Amino acid sequence: MGIGFAVGVLGVLLLAHAAYSTIQYRGLLKITEEEFSGPPINVVVELLLGLVFSMWAALTVPGKFLSIHPDSEENRIVSLPANLDFMIFNHRGKAVLSGVNMKLKH
């Protein structure tokens, strides 16, 4: 748990507090019988800060992205298994492909 995780937790807490403040503000407006025109500016600022913190944490916490190219040296896990006995090529996909090939020839 690094600094990114702590910033993410802070962002979620800010979002939750902004939601609670908006609900509390609407309750106050109901008591004073005023119409709701929007949340106060401090709640909007808190919402934006919570959004920025949460998004920053979501982009930095997961870690390093791996290459999706099959020939990449980083992707040695994505290769054919050593035991080819479990690979089945006689399945109903063959019938689907033959129907597609017939439609393409017309």
PDB file of N, CA and C in Angstrom:
ATOM      1  N   MET A   1       0.844  -1.181   0.000  1.00  0.00           N
ATOM      2  CA  MET A   1       0.000   0.000   0.000  1.00  0.00           C
ATOM      3  C   MET A   1       0.885   1.238   0.000  1.00  0.00           C
ATOM      4  N   GLY A   2       0.878   1.901  -1.114  1.00  0.00           N
ATOM      5  CA  GLY A   2       1.720   3.072  -1.257  1.00  0.00           C
ATOM      6  C   GLY A   2       0.915   4.349  -1.184  1.00  0.00           C
ATOM      7  N   ILE A   3       1.547   5.388  -1.664  1.00  0.00           N
ATOM      8  CA  ILE A   3       0.927   6.705  -1.628  1.00  0.00           C
ATOM      9  C   ILE A   3      -0.279   6.771  -2.565  1.00  0.00           C
ATOM     10  N   GLY A   4      -0.230   6.050  -3.686  1.00  0.00           N
ATOM     11  CA  GLY A   4      -1.349   6.050  -4.629  1.00  0.00           C
ATOM     12  C   GLY A   4      -2.614   5.478  -4.021  1.00  0.00           C
ATOM     13  N   PHE A   5      -2.456   4.414  -3.251  1.00  0.00           N
ATOM     14  CA  PHE A   5      -3.614   3.806  -2.592  1.00  0.00           C
ATOM     15  C   PHE A   5      -4.207   4.758  -1.567  1.00  0.00           C
ATOM     16  N   ALA A   6      -3.349   5.441  -0.812  1.00  0.00           N
ATOM     17  CA  ALA A   6      -3.831   6.397   0.195  1.00  0.00           C
ATOM     18  C   ALA A   6      -4.556   7.561  -0.467  1.00  0.00           C
ATOM     19  N   VAL A   7      -4.035   8.026  -1.594  1.00  0.00           N
ATOM     20  CA  VAL A   7      -4.702   9.116  -2.327  1.00  0.00           C
ATOM     21  C   VAL A   7      -6.053   8.635  -2.851  1.00  0.00           C
ATOM     22  N   GLY A   8      -6.132   7.400  -3.293  1.00  0.00           N
ATOM     23  CA  GLY A   8      -7.403   6.837  -3.758  1.00  0.00           C
ATOM     24  C   GLY A   8      -8.432   6.756  -2.654  1.00  0.00           C
ATOM     25  N   VAL A   9      -8.000   6.321  -1.482  1.00  0.00           N
ATOM     26  CA  VAL A   9      -8.914   6.257  -0.343  1.00  0.00           C
ATOM     27  C   VAL A   9      -9.379   7.660   0.035  1.00  0.00           C
ATOM     28  N   LEU A  10      -8.463   8.614   0.019  1.00  0.00           N
ATOM     29  CA  LEU A  10      -8.827  10.000   0.305  1.00  0.00           C
ATOM     30  C   LEU A  10      -9.832  10.525  -0.722  1.00  0.00           C
ATOM     31  N   GLY A  11      -9.643  10.195  -1.983  1.00  0.00           N
ATOM     32  CA  GLY A  11     -10.568  10.617  -3.025  1.00  0.00           C
ATOM     33  C   GLY A  11     -11.960  10.047  -2.831  1.00  0.00           C
ATOM     34  N   VAL A  12     -12.035   8.767  -2.472  1.00  0.00           N
ATOM     35  CA  VAL A  12     -13.340   8.143  -2.237  1.00  0.00           C
ATOM     36  C   VAL A  12     -14.004   8.753  -1.011  1.00  0.00           C
ATOM     37  N   LEU A  13     -13.220   9.024   0.026  1.00  0.00           N
ATOM     38  CA  LEU A  13     -13.784   9.665   1.218  1.00  0.00           C
ATOM     39  C   LEU A  13     -14.297  11.068   0.904  1.00  0.00           C
ATOM     40  N   LEU A  14     -13.564  11.805   0.070  1.00  0.00           N
ATOM     41  CA  LEU A  14     -14.034  13.138  -0.330  1.00  0.00           C
ATOM     42  C   LEU A  14     -15.332  13.048  -1.129  1.00  0.00           C
ATOM     43  N   LEU A  15     -15.439  12.081  -2.014  1.00  0.00           N
ATOM     44  CA  LEU A  15     -16.671  11.906  -2.775  1.00  0.00           C
ATOM     45  C   LEU A  15     -17.847  11.550  -1.863  1.00  0.00           C
ATOM     46  N   ALA A  16     -17.598  10.683  -0.902  1.00  0.00           N
ATOM     47  CA  ALA A  16     -18.658  10.296   0.034  1.00  0.00           C
ATOM     48  C   ALA A  16     -19.079  11.490   0.890  1.00  0.00           C
ATOM     49  N   HIS A  17     -18.115  12.285   1.339  1.00  0.00           N
ATOM     50  CA  HIS A  17     -18.442  13.447   2.155  1.00  0.00           C
ATOM     51  C   HIS A  17     -19.199  14.503   1.339  1.00  0.00           C
ATOM     52  N   ALA A  18     -18.844  14.660   0.073  1.00  0.00           N
ATOM     53  CA  ALA A  18     -19.561  15.606  -0.786  1.00  0.00           C
ATOM     54  C   ALA A  18     -21.006  15.158  -0.991  1.00  0.00           C
ATOM     55  N   ALA A  19     -21.214  13.856  -1.152  1.00  0.00           N
ATOM     56  CA  ALA A  19     -22.581  13.345  -1.285  1.00  0.00           C
ATOM     57  C   ALA A  19     -23.367  13.574  -0.007  1.00  0.00           C
ATOM     58  N   TYR A  20     -22.751  13.305   1.140  1.00  0.00           N
ATOM     59  CA  TYR A  20     -23.422  13.520   2.426  1.00  0.00           C
ATOM     60  C   TYR A  20     -23.732  15.005   2.624  1.00  0.00           C
ATOM     61  N   SER A  21     -22.817  15.883   2.243  1.00  0.00           N
ATOM     62  CA  SER A  21     -23.044  17.319   2.397  1.00  0.00           C
ATOM     63  C   SER A  21     -24.184  17.799   1.509  1.00  0.00           C
ATOM     64  N   THR A  22     -24.288  17.255   0.312  1.00  0.00           N
ATOM     65  CA  THR A  22     -25.379  17.633  -0.585  1.00  0.00           C
ATOM     66  C   THR A  22     -26.718  17.176  -0.027  1.00  0.00           C
ATOM     67  N   ILE A  23     -26.784  15.976   0.512  1.00  0.00           N
ATOM     68  CA  ILE A  23     -28.020  15.471   1.121  1.00  0.00           C
ATOM     69  C   ILE A  23     -28.405  16.320   2.326  1.00  0.00           C
ATOM     70  N   GLN A  24     -27.421  16.659   3.133  1.00  0.00           N
ATOM     71  CA  GLN A  24     -27.676  17.497   4.305  1.00  0.00           C
ATOM     72  C   GLN A  24     -28.151  18.890   3.884  1.00  0.00           C
ATOM     73  N   TYR A  25     -27.570  19.444   2.832  1.00  0.00           N
ATOM     74  CA  TYR A  25     -27.965  20.762   2.326  1.00  0.00           C
ATOM     75  C   TYR A  25     -29.394  20.737   1.793  1.00  0.00           C
ATOM     76  N   ARG A  26     -29.758  19.671   1.098  1.00  0.00           N
ATOM     77  CA  ARG A  26     -31.133  19.567   0.602  1.00  0.00           C
ATOM     78  C   ARG A  26     -32.118  19.430   1.744  1.00  0.00           C
ATOM     79  N   GLY A  27     -31.734  18.712   2.792  1.00  0.00           N
ATOM     80  CA  GLY A  27     -32.600  18.620   3.980  1.00  0.00           C
ATOM     81  C   GLY A  27     -32.794  19.978   4.631  1.00  0.00           C
ATOM     82  N   LEU A  28     -31.740  20.776   4.700  1.00  0.00           N
ATOM     83  CA  LEU A  28     -31.826  22.129   5.250  1.00  0.00           C
ATOM     84  C   LEU A  28     -32.742  23.003   4.399  1.00  0.00           C
ATOM     85  N   LEU A  29     -32.660  22.846   3.082  1.00  0.00           N
ATOM     86  CA  LEU A  29     -33.528  23.622   2.197  1.00  0.00           C
ATOM     87  C   LEU A  29     -34.996  23.224   2.345  1.00  0.00           C
ATOM     88  N   LYS A  30     -35.255  21.955   2.620  1.00  0.00           N
ATOM     89  CA  LYS A  30     -36.642  21.520   2.844  1.00  0.00           C
ATOM     90  C   LYS A  30     -37.201  22.138   4.119  1.00  0.00           C
ATOM     91  N   ILE A  31     -36.348  22.242   5.139  1.00  0.00           N
ATOM     92  CA  ILE A  31     -36.799  22.829   6.403  1.00  0.00           C
ATOM     93  C   ILE A  31     -37.106  24.313   6.210  1.00  0.00           C
ATOM     94  N   THR A  32     -36.257  25.009   5.492  1.00  0.00           N
ATOM     95  CA  THR A  32     -36.464  26.448   5.269  1.00  0.00           C
ATOM     96  C   THR A  32     -37.394  26.713   4.087  1.00  0.00           C
ATOM     97  N   GLU A  33     -37.890  25.668   3.443  1.00  0.00           N
ATOM     98  CA  GLU A  33     -38.830  25.744   2.324  1.00  0.00           C
ATOM     99  C   GLU A  33     -38.294  26.575   1.160  1.00  0.00           C
ATOM    100  N   GLU A  34     -37.026  26.402   0.866  1.00  0.00           N
ATOM    101  CA  GLU A  34     -36.415  27.038  -0.302  1.00  0.00           C
ATOM    102  C   GLU A  34     -36.258  25.996  -1.398  1.00  0.00           C
ATOM    103  N   GLU A  35     -36.069  26.463  -2.625  1.00  0.00           N
ATOM    104  CA  GLU A  35     -35.929  25.560  -3.750  1.00  0.00           C
ATOM    105  C   GLU A  35     -34.451  25.230  -3.982  1.00  0.00           C
ATOM    106  N   PHE A  36     -34.184  23.970  -4.360  1.00  0.00           N
ATOM    107  CA  PHE A  36     -32.809  23.512  -4.606  1.00  0.00           C
ATOM    108  C   PHE A  36     -32.386  23.946  -6.002  1.00  0.00           C
ATOM    109  N   SER A  37     -31.373  24.783  -6.076  1.00  0.00           N
ATOM    110  CA  SER A  37     -30.876  25.239  -7.373  1.00  0.00           C
ATOM    111  C   SER A  37     -29.525  24.623  -7.708  1.00  0.00           C
ATOM    112  N   GLY A  38     -28.890  24.014  -6.754  1.00  0.00           N
ATOM    113  CA  GLY A  38     -27.600  23.376  -6.966  1.00  0.00           C
ATOM    114  C   GLY A  38     -26.840  23.306  -5.658  1.00  0.00           C
ATOM    115  N   PRO A  39     -25.816  22.467  -5.627  1.00  0.00           N
ATOM    116  CA  PRO A  39     -25.045  22.353  -4.387  1.00  0.00           C
ATOM    117  C   PRO A  39     -24.181  23.594  -4.167  1.00  0.00           C
ATOM    118  N   PRO A  40     -23.780  23.838  -2.922  1.00  0.00           N
ATOM    119  CA  PRO A  40     -22.893  24.975  -2.643  1.00  0.00           C
ATOM    120  C   PRO A  40     -21.534  24.801  -3.325  1.00  0.00           C
ATOM    121  N   ILE A  41     -20.816  25.889  -3.469  1.00  0.00           N
ATOM    122  CA  ILE A  41     -19.538  25.872  -4.191  1.00  0.00           C
ATOM    123  C   ILE A  41     -18.490  25.014  -3.478  1.00  0.00           C
ATOM    124  N   ASN A  42     -18.536  24.964  -2.140  1.00  0.00           N
ATOM    125  CA  ASN A  42     -17.547  24.141  -1.434  1.00  0.00           C
ATOM    126  C   ASN A  42     -17.775  22.648  -1.686  1.00  0.00           C
ATOM    127  N   VAL A  43     -19.029  22.267  -1.895  1.00  0.00           N
ATOM    128  CA  VAL A  43     -19.320  20.864  -2.214  1.00  0.00           C
ATOM    129  C   VAL A  43     -18.846  20.544  -3.632  1.00  0.00           C
ATOM    130  N   VAL A  44     -19.018  21.477  -4.553  1.00  0.00           N
ATOM    131  CA  VAL A  44     -18.563  21.269  -5.931  1.00  0.00           C
ATOM    132  C   VAL A  44     -17.040  21.140  -5.973  1.00  0.00           C
ATOM    133  N   VAL A  45     -16.339  21.983  -5.220  1.00  0.00           N
ATOM    134  CA  VAL A  45     -14.872  21.905  -5.165  1.00  0.00           C
ATOM    135  C   VAL A  45     -14.441  20.569  -4.552  1.00  0.00           C
ATOM    136  N   GLU A  46     -15.132  20.162  -3.496  1.00  0.00           N
ATOM    137  CA  GLU A  46     -14.818  18.883  -2.856  1.00  0.00           C
ATOM    138  C   GLU A  46     -15.065  17.718  -3.818  1.00  0.00           C
ATOM    139  N   LEU A  47     -16.129  17.804  -4.598  1.00  0.00           N
ATOM    140  CA  LEU A  47     -16.433  16.779  -5.587  1.00  0.00           C
ATOM    141  C   LEU A  47     -15.344  16.697  -6.650  1.00  0.00           C
ATOM    142  N   LEU A  48     -14.907  17.827  -7.156  1.00  0.00           N
ATOM    143  CA  LEU A  48     -13.867  17.836  -8.183  1.00  0.00           C
ATOM    144  C   LEU A  48     -12.535  17.311  -7.640  1.00  0.00           C
ATOM    145  N   LEU A  49     -12.189  17.695  -6.416  1.00  0.00           N
ATOM    146  CA  LEU A  49     -10.954  17.169  -5.813  1.00  0.00           C
ATOM    147  C   LEU A  49     -11.034  15.655  -5.612  1.00  0.00           C
ATOM    148  N   GLY A  50     -12.179  15.179  -5.136  1.00  0.00           N
ATOM    149  CA  GLY A  50     -12.357  13.741  -4.963  1.00  0.00           C
ATOM    150  C   GLY A  50     -12.274  12.995  -6.276  1.00  0.00           C
ATOM    151  N   LEU A  51     -12.836  13.582  -7.335  1.00  0.00           N
ATOM    152  CA  LEU A  51     -12.770  12.961  -8.653  1.00  0.00           C
ATOM    153  C   LEU A  51     -11.338  12.898  -9.169  1.00  0.00           C
ATOM    154  N   VAL A  52     -10.598  13.993  -9.019  1.00  0.00           N
ATOM    155  CA  VAL A  52      -9.208  14.027  -9.486  1.00  0.00           C
ATOM    156  C   VAL A  52      -8.353  13.032  -8.698  1.00  0.00           C
ATOM    157  N   PHE A  53      -8.504  13.004  -7.384  1.00  0.00           N
ATOM    158  CA  PHE A  53      -7.726  12.062  -6.566  1.00  0.00           C
ATOM    159  C   PHE A  53      -8.056  10.613  -6.919  1.00  0.00           C
ATOM    160  N   SER A  54      -9.335  10.317  -7.093  1.00  0.00           N
ATOM    161  CA  SER A  54      -9.735   8.942  -7.403  1.00  0.00           C
ATOM    162  C   SER A  54      -9.228   8.512  -8.774  1.00  0.00           C
ATOM    163  N   MET A  55      -9.329   9.401  -9.748  1.00  0.00           N
ATOM    164  CA  MET A  55      -8.850   9.046 -11.082  1.00  0.00           C
ATOM    165  C   MET A  55      -7.334   8.892 -11.114  1.00  0.00           C
ATOM    166  N   TRP A  56      -6.622   9.756 -10.396  1.00  0.00           N
ATOM    167  CA  TRP A  56      -5.164   9.630 -10.342  1.00  0.00           C
ATOM    168  C   TRP A  56      -4.768   8.298  -9.726  1.00  0.00           C
ATOM    169  N   ALA A  57      -5.450   7.927  -8.635  1.00  0.00           N
ATOM    170  CA  ALA A  57      -5.140   6.655  -7.983  1.00  0.00           C
ATOM    171  C   ALA A  57      -5.496   5.475  -8.889  1.00  0.00           C
ATOM    172  N   ALA A  58      -6.606   5.578  -9.611  1.00  0.00           N
ATOM    173  CA  ALA A  58      -7.017   4.479 -10.484  1.00  0.00           C
ATOM    174  C   ALA A  58      -6.030   4.266 -11.626  1.00  0.00           C
ATOM    175  N   LEU A  59      -5.364   5.321 -12.046  1.00  0.00           N
ATOM    176  CA  LEU A  59      -4.398   5.186 -13.138  1.00  0.00           C
ATOM    177  C   LEU A  59      -2.999   4.804 -12.668  1.00  0.00           C
ATOM    178  N   THR A  60      -2.670   5.079 -11.417  1.00  0.00           N
ATOM    179  CA  THR A  60      -1.313   4.793 -10.950  1.00  0.00           C
ATOM    180  C   THR A  60      -1.205   3.540 -10.093  1.00  0.00           C
ATOM    181  N   VAL A  61      -2.247   3.154  -9.395  1.00  0.00           N
ATOM    182  CA  VAL A  61      -2.159   2.025  -8.464  1.00  0.00           C
ATOM    183  C   VAL A  61      -2.045   0.679  -9.169  1.00  0.00           C
ATOM    184  N   PRO A  62      -2.786   0.391 -10.268  1.00  0.00           N
ATOM    185  CA  PRO A  62      -2.741  -0.958 -10.826  1.00  0.00           C
ATOM    186  C   PRO A  62      -1.360  -1.449 -11.224  1.00  0.00           C
ATOM    187  N   GLY A  63      -0.467  -0.597 -11.619  1.00  0.00           N
ATOM    188  CA  GLY A  63       0.880  -1.043 -11.931  1.00  0.00           C
ATOM    189  C   GLY A  63       1.227  -0.877 -13.390  1.00  0.00           C
ATOM    190  N   LYS A  64       2.202  -1.663 -13.816  1.00  0.00           N
ATOM    191  CA  LYS A  64       2.754  -1.545 -15.157  1.00  0.00           C
ATOM    192  C   LYS A  64       1.876  -2.292 -16.156  1.00  0.00           C
ATOM    193  N   PHE A  65       1.602  -1.654 -17.290  1.00  0.00           N
ATOM    194  CA  PHE A  65       0.853  -2.306 -18.346  1.00  0.00           C
ATOM    195  C   PHE A  65       1.783  -3.230 -19.128  1.00  0.00           C
ATOM    196  N   LEU A  66       1.255  -4.370 -19.562  1.00  0.00           N
ATOM    197  CA  LEU A  66       2.021  -5.320 -20.342  1.00  0.00           C
ATOM    198  C   LEU A  66       1.688  -5.170 -21.817  1.00  0.00           C
ATOM    199  N   SER A  67       2.609  -5.561 -22.658  1.00  0.00           N
ATOM    200  CA  SER A  67       2.412  -5.492 -24.098  1.00  0.00           C
ATOM    201  C   SER A  67       1.389  -6.538 -24.530  1.00  0.00           C
ATOM    202  N   ILE A  68       0.582  -6.202 -25.543  1.00  0.00           N
ATOM    203  CA  ILE A  68      -0.398  -7.165 -26.035  1.00  0.00           C
ATOM    204  C   ILE A  68       0.084  -7.894 -27.284  1.00  0.00           C
ATOM    205  N   HIS A  69       1.258  -7.566 -27.764  1.00  0.00           N
ATOM    206  CA  HIS A  69       1.793  -8.225 -28.944  1.00  0.00           C
ATOM    207  C   HIS A  69       2.233  -9.642 -28.591  1.00  0.00           C
ATOM    208  N   PRO A  70       1.847 -10.638 -29.385  1.00  0.00           N
ATOM    209  CA  PRO A  70       2.181 -12.023 -29.040  1.00  0.00           C
ATOM    210  C   PRO A  70       3.664 -12.335 -29.142  1.00  0.00           C
ATOM    211  N   ASP A  71       4.406 -11.587 -29.940  1.00  0.00           N
ATOM    212  CA  ASP A  71       5.831 -11.869 -30.108  1.00  0.00           C
ATOM    213  C   ASP A  71       6.698 -11.147 -29.084  1.00  0.00           C
ATOM    214  N   SER A  72       6.079 -10.401 -28.193  1.00  0.00           N
ATOM    215  CA  SER A  72       6.832  -9.628 -27.217  1.00  0.00           C
ATOM    216  C   SER A  72       7.489 -10.555 -26.196  1.00  0.00           C
ATOM    217  N   GLU A  73       8.653 -10.163 -25.725  1.00  0.00           N
ATOM    218  CA  GLU A  73       9.365 -10.963 -24.721  1.00  0.00           C
ATOM    219  C   GLU A  73       8.672 -10.920 -23.376  1.00  0.00           C
ATOM    220  N   GLU A  74       7.842  -9.905 -23.144  1.00  0.00           N
ATOM    221  CA  GLU A  74       7.127  -9.789 -21.864  1.00  0.00           C
ATOM    222  C   GLU A  74       5.992 -10.792 -21.771  1.00  0.00           C
ATOM    223  N   ASN A  75       5.520 -11.313 -22.889  1.00  0.00           N
ATOM    224  CA  ASN A  75       4.351 -12.185 -22.918  1.00  0.00           C
ATOM    225  C   ASN A  75       4.734 -13.646 -23.110  1.00  0.00           C
ATOM    226  N   ARG A  76       5.599 -14.158 -22.367  1.00  0.00           N
ATOM    227  CA  ARG A  76       5.963 -15.563 -22.502  1.00  0.00           C
ATOM    228  C   ARG A  76       4.892 -16.465 -21.899  1.00  0.00           C
ATOM    229  N   ILE A  77       3.951 -15.933 -21.139  1.00  0.00           N
ATOM    230  CA  ILE A  77       2.870 -16.746 -20.584  1.00  0.00           C
ATOM    231  C   ILE A  77       1.878 -17.101 -21.686  1.00  0.00           C
ATOM    232  N   VAL A  78       1.689 -16.202 -22.644  1.00  0.00           N
ATOM    233  CA  VAL A  78       0.738 -16.409 -23.725  1.00  0.00           C
ATOM    234  C   VAL A  78       1.432 -17.208 -24.826  1.00  0.00           C
ATOM    235  N   SER A  79       1.489 -18.502 -24.667  1.00  0.00           N
ATOM    236  CA  SER A  79       2.087 -19.369 -25.676  1.00  0.00           C
ATOM    237  C   SER A  79       1.325 -20.688 -25.676  1.00  0.00           C
ATOM    238  N   LEU A  80       1.598 -21.515 -26.661  1.00  0.00           N
ATOM    239  CA  LEU A  80       0.921 -22.806 -26.723  1.00  0.00           C
ATOM    240  C   LEU A  80       1.374 -23.694 -25.572  1.00  0.00           C
ATOM    241  N   PRO A  81       0.468 -24.502 -25.061  1.00  0.00           N
ATOM    242  CA  PRO A  81       0.864 -25.408 -23.979  1.00  0.00           C
ATOM    243  C   PRO A  81       1.819 -26.487 -24.488  1.00  0.00           C
ATOM    244  N   ALA A  82       2.603 -27.013 -23.580  1.00  0.00           N
ATOM    245  CA  ALA A  82       3.570 -28.047 -23.948  1.00  0.00           C
ATOM    246  C   ALA A  82       2.857 -29.348 -24.324  1.00  0.00           C
ATOM    247  N   ASN A  83       1.703 -29.599 -23.720  1.00  0.00           N
ATOM    248  CA  ASN A  83       0.958 -30.821 -23.977  1.00  0.00           C
ATOM    249  C   ASN A  83      -0.161 -30.510 -24.963  1.00  0.00           C
ATOM    250  N   LEU A  84      -0.022 -30.933 -26.203  1.00  0.00           N
ATOM    251  CA  LEU A  84      -1.005 -30.642 -27.240  1.00  0.00           C
ATOM    252  C   LEU A  84      -2.133 -31.664 -27.310  1.00  0.00           C
ATOM    253  N   ASP A  85      -2.179 -32.635 -26.374  1.00  0.00           N
ATOM    254  CA  ASP A  85      -3.223 -33.658 -26.396  1.00  0.00           C
ATOM    255  C   ASP A  85      -4.610 -33.089 -26.146  1.00  0.00           C
ATOM    256  N   PHE A  86      -4.708 -31.972 -25.467  1.00  0.00           N
ATOM    257  CA  PHE A  86      -6.005 -31.419 -25.108  1.00  0.00           C
ATOM    258  C   PHE A  86      -6.525 -30.416 -26.130  1.00  0.00           C
ATOM    259  N   MET A  87      -5.808 -30.206 -27.204  1.00  0.00           N
ATOM    260  CA  MET A  87      -6.267 -29.292 -28.251  1.00  0.00           C
ATOM    261  C   MET A  87      -7.180 -30.066 -29.194  1.00  0.00           C
ATOM    262  N   ILE A  88      -8.433 -29.621 -29.335  1.00  0.00           N
ATOM    263  CA  ILE A  88      -9.438 -30.312 -30.137  1.00  0.00           C
ATOM    264  C   ILE A  88      -9.759 -29.451 -31.349  1.00  0.00           C
ATOM    265  N   PHE A  89      -9.613 -30.033 -32.523  1.00  0.00           N
ATOM    266  CA  PHE A  89      -9.898 -29.300 -33.746  1.00  0.00           C
ATOM    267  C   PHE A  89     -11.166 -29.794 -34.428  1.00  0.00           C
ATOM    268  N   ASN A  90     -11.766 -30.855 -33.926  1.00  0.00           N
ATOM    269  CA  ASN A  90     -12.986 -31.394 -34.500  1.00  0.00           C
ATOM    270  C   ASN A  90     -14.155 -30.968 -33.613  1.00  0.00           C
ATOM    271  N   HIS A  91     -14.703 -29.802 -33.900  1.00  0.00           N
ATOM    272  CA  HIS A  91     -15.811 -29.286 -33.105  1.00  0.00           C
ATOM    273  C   HIS A  91     -16.800 -28.591 -34.025  1.00  0.00           C
ATOM    274  N   ARG A  92     -17.901 -28.103 -33.491  1.00  0.00           N
ATOM    275  CA  ARG A  92     -18.963 -27.550 -34.329  1.00  0.00           C
ATOM    276  C   ARG A  92     -18.611 -26.203 -34.954  1.00  0.00           C
ATOM    277  N   GLY A  93     -17.501 -25.605 -34.585  1.00  0.00           N
ATOM    278  CA  GLY A  93     -17.056 -24.394 -35.242  1.00  0.00           C
ATOM    279  C   GLY A  93     -16.753 -24.629 -36.707  1.00  0.00           C
ATOM    280  N   LYS A  94     -16.419 -25.866 -37.064  1.00  0.00           N
ATOM    281  CA  LYS A  94     -16.138 -26.214 -38.453  1.00  0.00           C
ATOM    282  C   LYS A  94     -17.398 -26.029 -39.305  1.00  0.00           C
ATOM    283  N   ALA A  95     -18.563 -26.381 -38.766  1.00  0.00           N
ATOM    284  CA  ALA A  95     -19.821 -26.234 -39.507  1.00  0.00           C
ATOM    285  C   ALA A  95     -20.167 -24.761 -39.684  1.00  0.00           C
ATOM    286  N   VAL A  96     -19.890 -23.950 -38.698  1.00  0.00           N
ATOM    287  CA  VAL A  96     -20.167 -22.519 -38.786  1.00  0.00           C
ATOM    288  C   VAL A  96     -19.278 -21.887 -39.842  1.00  0.00           C
ATOM    289  N   LEU A  97     -18.021 -22.248 -39.867  1.00  0.00           N
ATOM    290  CA  LEU A  97     -17.097 -21.679 -40.834  1.00  0.00           C
ATOM    291  C   LEU A  97     -17.420 -22.113 -42.255  1.00  0.00           C
ATOM    292  N   SER A  98     -17.890 -23.357 -42.449  1.00  0.00           N
ATOM    293  CA  SER A  98     -18.229 -23.800 -43.809  1.00  0.00           C
ATOM    294  C   SER A  98     -19.448 -23.019 -44.315  1.00  0.00           C
ATOM    295  N   GLY A  99     -20.398 -22.677 -43.457  1.00  0.00           N
ATOM    296  CA  GLY A  99     -21.542 -21.864 -43.844  1.00  0.00           C
ATOM    297  C   GLY A  99     -21.133 -20.462 -44.213  1.00  0.00           C
ATOM    298  N   VAL A 100     -20.180 -19.916 -43.514  1.00  0.00           N
ATOM    299  CA  VAL A 100     -19.687 -18.571 -43.804  1.00  0.00           C
ATOM    300  C   VAL A 100     -18.951 -18.559 -45.141  1.00  0.00           C
ATOM    301  N   ASN A 101     -18.148 -19.589 -45.396  1.00  0.00           N
ATOM    302  CA  ASN A 101     -17.414 -19.664 -46.646  1.00  0.00           C
ATOM    303  C   ASN A 101     -18.369 -19.780 -47.844  1.00  0.00           C
ATOM    304  N   MET A 102     -19.471 -20.511 -47.681  1.00  0.00           N
ATOM    305  CA  MET A 102     -20.449 -20.659 -48.768  1.00  0.00           C
ATOM    306  C   MET A 102     -21.121 -19.323 -49.048  1.00  0.00           C
ATOM    307  N   LYS A 103     -21.422 -18.554 -48.043  1.00  0.00           N
ATOM    308  CA  LYS A 103     -22.057 -17.261 -48.229  1.00  0.00           C
ATOM    309  C   LYS A 103     -21.122 -16.272 -48.915  1.00  0.00           C
ATOM    310  N   LEU A 104     -19.837 -16.378 -48.633  1.00  0.00           N
ATOM    311  CA  LEU A 104     -18.883 -15.458 -49.224  1.00  0.00           C
ATOM    312  C   LEU A 104     -18.630 -15.753 -50.698  1.00  0.00           C
ATOM    313  N   LYS A 105     -18.797 -16.994 -51.133  1.00  0.00           N
ATOM    314  CA  LYS A 105     -18.514 -17.371 -52.515  1.00  0.00           C
ATOM    315  C   LYS A 105     -19.601 -16.902 -53.480  1.00  0.00           C
ATOM    316  N   HIS A 106     -20.796 -16.634 -52.991  1.00  0.00           N
ATOM    317  CA  HIS A 106     -21.902 -16.232 -53.880  1.00  0.00           C
ATOM    318  C   HIS A 106     -21.734 -14.855 -54.368  1.00  0.00           C
TER     319      HIS A 106
END
